[in-house]
Amino acid sequence: NGNEVMDNNLIAYMNVIRSNADMLKNLNEDQIMQRYNKLLDVISAKIKTAETEGKQGDIGKYKKVTAVVDATLAKTVDFNCAFAKKYFEPKFTANPADVELAKKIYTAMLNDKCTSEASFIQAAELIHKTSPNNFDVTKELASAYINTKNFDKAAPLLTELQGKATKPAQKAWITILNGDIE
C-alpha cells in the first residue's frame, strides 16, 4: 500500500518482522533491515504529512511509534558495533546531521563497548551538541576522547561535567576521568 498503511499496522508490521526472524528463521539481517527501512520511510512520510497539516498530536504519535519500532529492531537483530557500522554508519556519513540516526549508532556502540570508533565519537558529538545538558552523553564523549588520547577535546568536557554533576556517583566519574588525563 505504499505510505497508505493504517497507523495501527505500523508496530504490528515490525512485530511480524520480528516473529518471522525469531520463530520462522526466514529473514536474514539484510532482509530485516530492508523491511525496517521501508517501515521507517512510511512513518517519515506520515510525519511529513502531519507537519504539513499542522497535526502536532500525530507527529508525537509517530515519534512514539518510531521508538517502539526501533526497540523491536534492537530485540530482533544483534544490535552491536558491526551492525551499526554496516547499516547506520553509511547513512550517517551521508547525513551527519541526523540526530535520530546518531542516537542509534550511539546506543549500539555504547552497548557493545566500541566507543573509540570514529562513528561513535561523531554520533556522540552530534547528540551532545543538540542535547548539551545530557550528563551521560557528555561523560561518554569525554571518555571516548580520553581513550583515543584526544585530551584537548576531553578537558573542556570534564569542566562542563563538573557543572552538571548533581549526584556523588557523577562526581566520582569526573574524578576518575580527570585522573585518566593526568
Protein backbone atom coordinates (compact mmCIF):
# COMPACT_ATOMS: atom_id res chain seq x y z
CA ASN A 1 0.00 0.00 0.00
CA GLY A 2 2.95 2.34 -0.13
CA ASN A 3 2.63 5.04 2.51
CA GLU A 4 -1.09 4.41 2.96
CA VAL A 5 -0.56 1.92 5.78
CA MET A 6 -3.08 2.19 8.61
CA ASP A 7 -1.45 3.59 11.74
CA ASN A 8 -2.38 0.57 13.87
CA ASN A 9 -0.45 -1.67 11.47
CA LEU A 10 2.90 0.12 11.80
CA ILE A 11 4.00 -1.56 15.03
CA ALA A 12 2.22 -4.77 14.08
CA TYR A 13 4.29 -4.93 10.87
CA MET A 14 7.53 -4.66 12.86
CA ASN A 15 6.28 -7.40 15.19
CA VAL A 16 5.62 -9.62 12.16
CA ILE A 17 9.19 -8.96 11.00
CA ARG A 18 10.47 -9.97 14.43
CA SER A 19 8.31 -13.09 14.52
CA ASN A 20 9.49 -14.16 11.09
CA ALA A 21 13.11 -13.64 12.08
CA ASP A 22 12.87 -15.24 15.54
CA MET A 23 10.40 -18.07 15.10
CA LEU A 24 10.39 -18.95 11.45
CA LYS A 25 14.03 -18.02 10.84
CA ASN A 26 13.12 -16.98 7.30
CA LEU A 27 14.62 -13.47 7.30
CA ASN A 28 18.30 -12.64 7.35
CA GLU A 29 19.70 -9.36 8.68
CA ASP A 30 19.65 -7.66 5.25
CA GLN A 31 16.01 -8.61 4.71
CA ILE A 32 15.10 -7.39 8.20
CA MET A 33 16.79 -4.07 7.53
CA GLN A 34 15.16 -3.72 4.12
CA ARG A 35 11.73 -4.09 5.73
CA TYR A 36 12.66 -1.90 8.71
CA ASN A 37 13.86 0.89 6.40
CA LYS A 38 10.67 0.67 4.34
CA LEU A 39 8.63 0.94 7.54
CA LEU A 40 10.66 3.99 8.65
CA ASP A 41 10.08 5.55 5.22
CA VAL A 42 6.32 5.12 5.69
CA ILE A 43 6.46 6.63 9.19
CA SER A 44 8.59 9.52 7.91
CA ALA A 45 6.06 10.21 5.17
CA LYS A 46 3.27 10.22 7.76
CA ILE A 47 5.26 12.66 9.93
CA LYS A 48 5.77 14.98 6.95
CA THR A 49 2.07 14.87 6.16
CA ALA A 50 1.22 15.64 9.80
CA GLU A 51 3.70 18.55 9.77
CA THR A 52 2.18 19.93 6.59
CA GLU A 53 -1.30 19.67 8.08
CA GLY A 54 -0.18 21.10 11.44
CA LYS A 55 -1.21 17.99 13.38
CA GLN A 56 1.22 18.11 16.33
CA GLY A 57 -0.54 15.24 18.10
CA ASP A 58 0.04 12.95 15.14
CA ILE A 59 3.71 13.92 14.98
CA GLY A 60 4.15 12.90 18.62
CA LYS A 61 2.28 9.66 18.00
CA TYR A 62 4.50 8.75 15.04
CA LYS A 63 7.65 9.53 17.02
CA LYS A 64 6.45 7.11 19.70
CA VAL A 65 5.75 4.51 17.02
CA THR A 66 9.29 5.02 15.71
CA ALA A 67 10.69 4.44 19.20
CA VAL A 68 8.75 1.17 19.52
CA VAL A 69 9.87 0.06 16.05
CA ASP A 70 13.49 0.87 16.92
CA ALA A 71 13.24 -1.02 20.21
CA THR A 72 11.79 -4.02 18.39
CA LEU A 73 14.63 -3.90 15.88
CA ALA A 74 17.15 -3.94 18.73
CA LYS A 75 15.49 -7.12 20.04
CA THR A 76 15.39 -8.70 16.59
CA VAL A 77 18.98 -8.32 15.41
CA ASP A 78 22.36 -8.44 17.11
CA PHE A 79 22.43 -4.70 17.83
CA ASN A 80 26.20 -4.29 18.10
CA CYS A 81 29.10 -2.34 16.62
CA ALA A 82 29.33 -4.39 13.44
CA PHE A 83 25.59 -3.92 12.87
CA ALA A 84 25.81 -0.16 13.46
CA LYS A 85 28.80 0.16 11.13
CA LYS A 86 27.12 -1.87 8.37
CA TYR A 87 23.62 -0.39 8.45
CA PHE A 88 23.76 3.00 10.17
CA GLU A 89 27.24 4.39 9.52
CA PRO A 90 26.84 4.80 5.72
CA LYS A 91 23.57 6.72 6.19
CA PHE A 92 25.14 8.84 8.93
CA THR A 93 28.12 9.62 6.70
CA ALA A 94 25.69 10.78 4.02
CA ASN A 95 23.65 12.81 6.54
CA PRO A 96 25.84 13.71 9.54
CA ALA A 97 23.14 16.00 10.99
CA ASP A 98 20.65 13.14 11.52
CA VAL A 99 20.22 13.13 15.30
CA GLU A 100 17.92 10.10 15.38
CA LEU A 101 20.45 8.03 13.46
CA ALA A 102 23.23 9.32 15.72
CA LYS A 103 21.25 8.05 18.72
CA LYS A 104 21.00 4.58 17.15
CA ILE A 105 24.75 4.48 16.50
CA TYR A 106 25.46 5.79 19.99
CA THR A 107 23.24 3.18 21.65
CA ALA A 108 24.51 0.20 19.65
CA MET A 109 28.16 1.11 20.05
CA LEU A 110 27.88 2.04 23.72
CA ASN A 111 26.16 -1.27 24.49
CA ASP A 112 28.86 -3.18 22.60
CA LYS A 113 31.64 -1.09 24.19
CA CYS A 114 33.22 0.17 20.96
CA THR A 115 33.23 3.81 22.00
CA SER A 116 36.62 4.55 20.46
CA GLU A 117 35.19 4.17 16.95
CA ALA A 118 35.13 7.36 14.91
CA SER A 119 31.43 6.91 14.13
CA PHE A 120 30.61 6.63 17.86
CA ILE A 121 32.50 9.83 18.59
CA GLN A 122 30.85 11.65 15.69
CA ALA A 123 27.40 10.47 16.83
CA ALA A 124 28.10 11.42 20.45
CA GLU A 125 29.33 14.87 19.34
CA LEU A 126 26.08 15.50 17.48
CA ILE A 127 23.94 14.30 20.38
CA HIS A 128 25.98 16.42 22.80
CA LYS A 129 25.58 19.44 20.52
CA THR A 130 21.79 19.01 20.34
CA SER A 131 21.32 17.92 23.99
CA PRO A 132 24.13 19.65 25.90
CA ASN A 133 22.55 19.02 29.32
CA ASN A 134 22.71 15.23 28.98
CA PHE A 135 25.30 14.21 31.60
CA ASP A 136 25.67 10.61 30.36
CA VAL A 137 26.33 11.57 26.73
CA THR A 138 28.86 14.21 27.79
CA LYS A 139 30.57 11.68 30.08
CA GLU A 140 30.76 9.01 27.36
CA LEU A 141 32.05 11.54 24.84
CA ALA A 142 34.75 12.69 27.29
CA SER A 143 35.66 9.04 27.93
CA ALA A 144 35.89 8.37 24.19
CA TYR A 145 38.19 11.36 23.73
CA ILE A 146 40.37 10.15 26.59
CA ASN A 147 40.51 6.61 25.18
CA THR A 148 41.60 7.98 21.81
CA LYS A 149 44.19 10.25 23.50
CA ASN A 150 42.37 13.39 22.40
CA PHE A 151 42.91 15.18 25.71
CA ASP A 152 42.42 18.66 24.22
CA LYS A 153 38.79 17.83 23.50
CA ALA A 154 38.26 15.86 26.70
CA ALA A 155 39.41 18.57 29.13
CA PRO A 156 36.67 21.13 28.34
CA LEU A 157 34.03 18.38 28.60
CA LEU A 158 35.28 17.48 32.06
CA THR A 159 34.92 21.11 33.09
CA GLU A 160 31.43 21.09 31.62
CA LEU A 161 30.62 17.87 33.50
CA GLN A 162 31.59 19.44 36.81
CA GLY A 163 28.79 21.96 36.35
CA LYS A 164 26.30 19.21 35.51
CA ALA A 165 27.18 16.73 38.25
CA THR A 166 24.49 16.60 40.92
CA LYS A 167 24.99 13.11 42.36
CA PRO A 168 28.00 11.66 44.18
CA ALA A 169 28.37 8.93 41.54
CA GLN A 170 28.57 11.56 38.79
CA LYS A 171 31.22 13.50 40.72
CA ALA A 172 33.18 10.27 41.18
CA TRP A 173 33.13 9.69 37.41
CA ILE A 174 34.56 13.14 36.83
CA THR A 175 37.37 12.43 39.31
CA ILE A 176 38.16 9.14 37.55
CA LEU A 177 38.14 10.79 34.11
CA ASN A 178 40.34 13.64 35.35
CA GLY A 179 42.76 11.02 36.65
CA ASP A 180 42.87 9.44 33.20
CA ILE A 181 44.01 12.76 31.69
CA GLU A 182 46.72 13.47 34.26
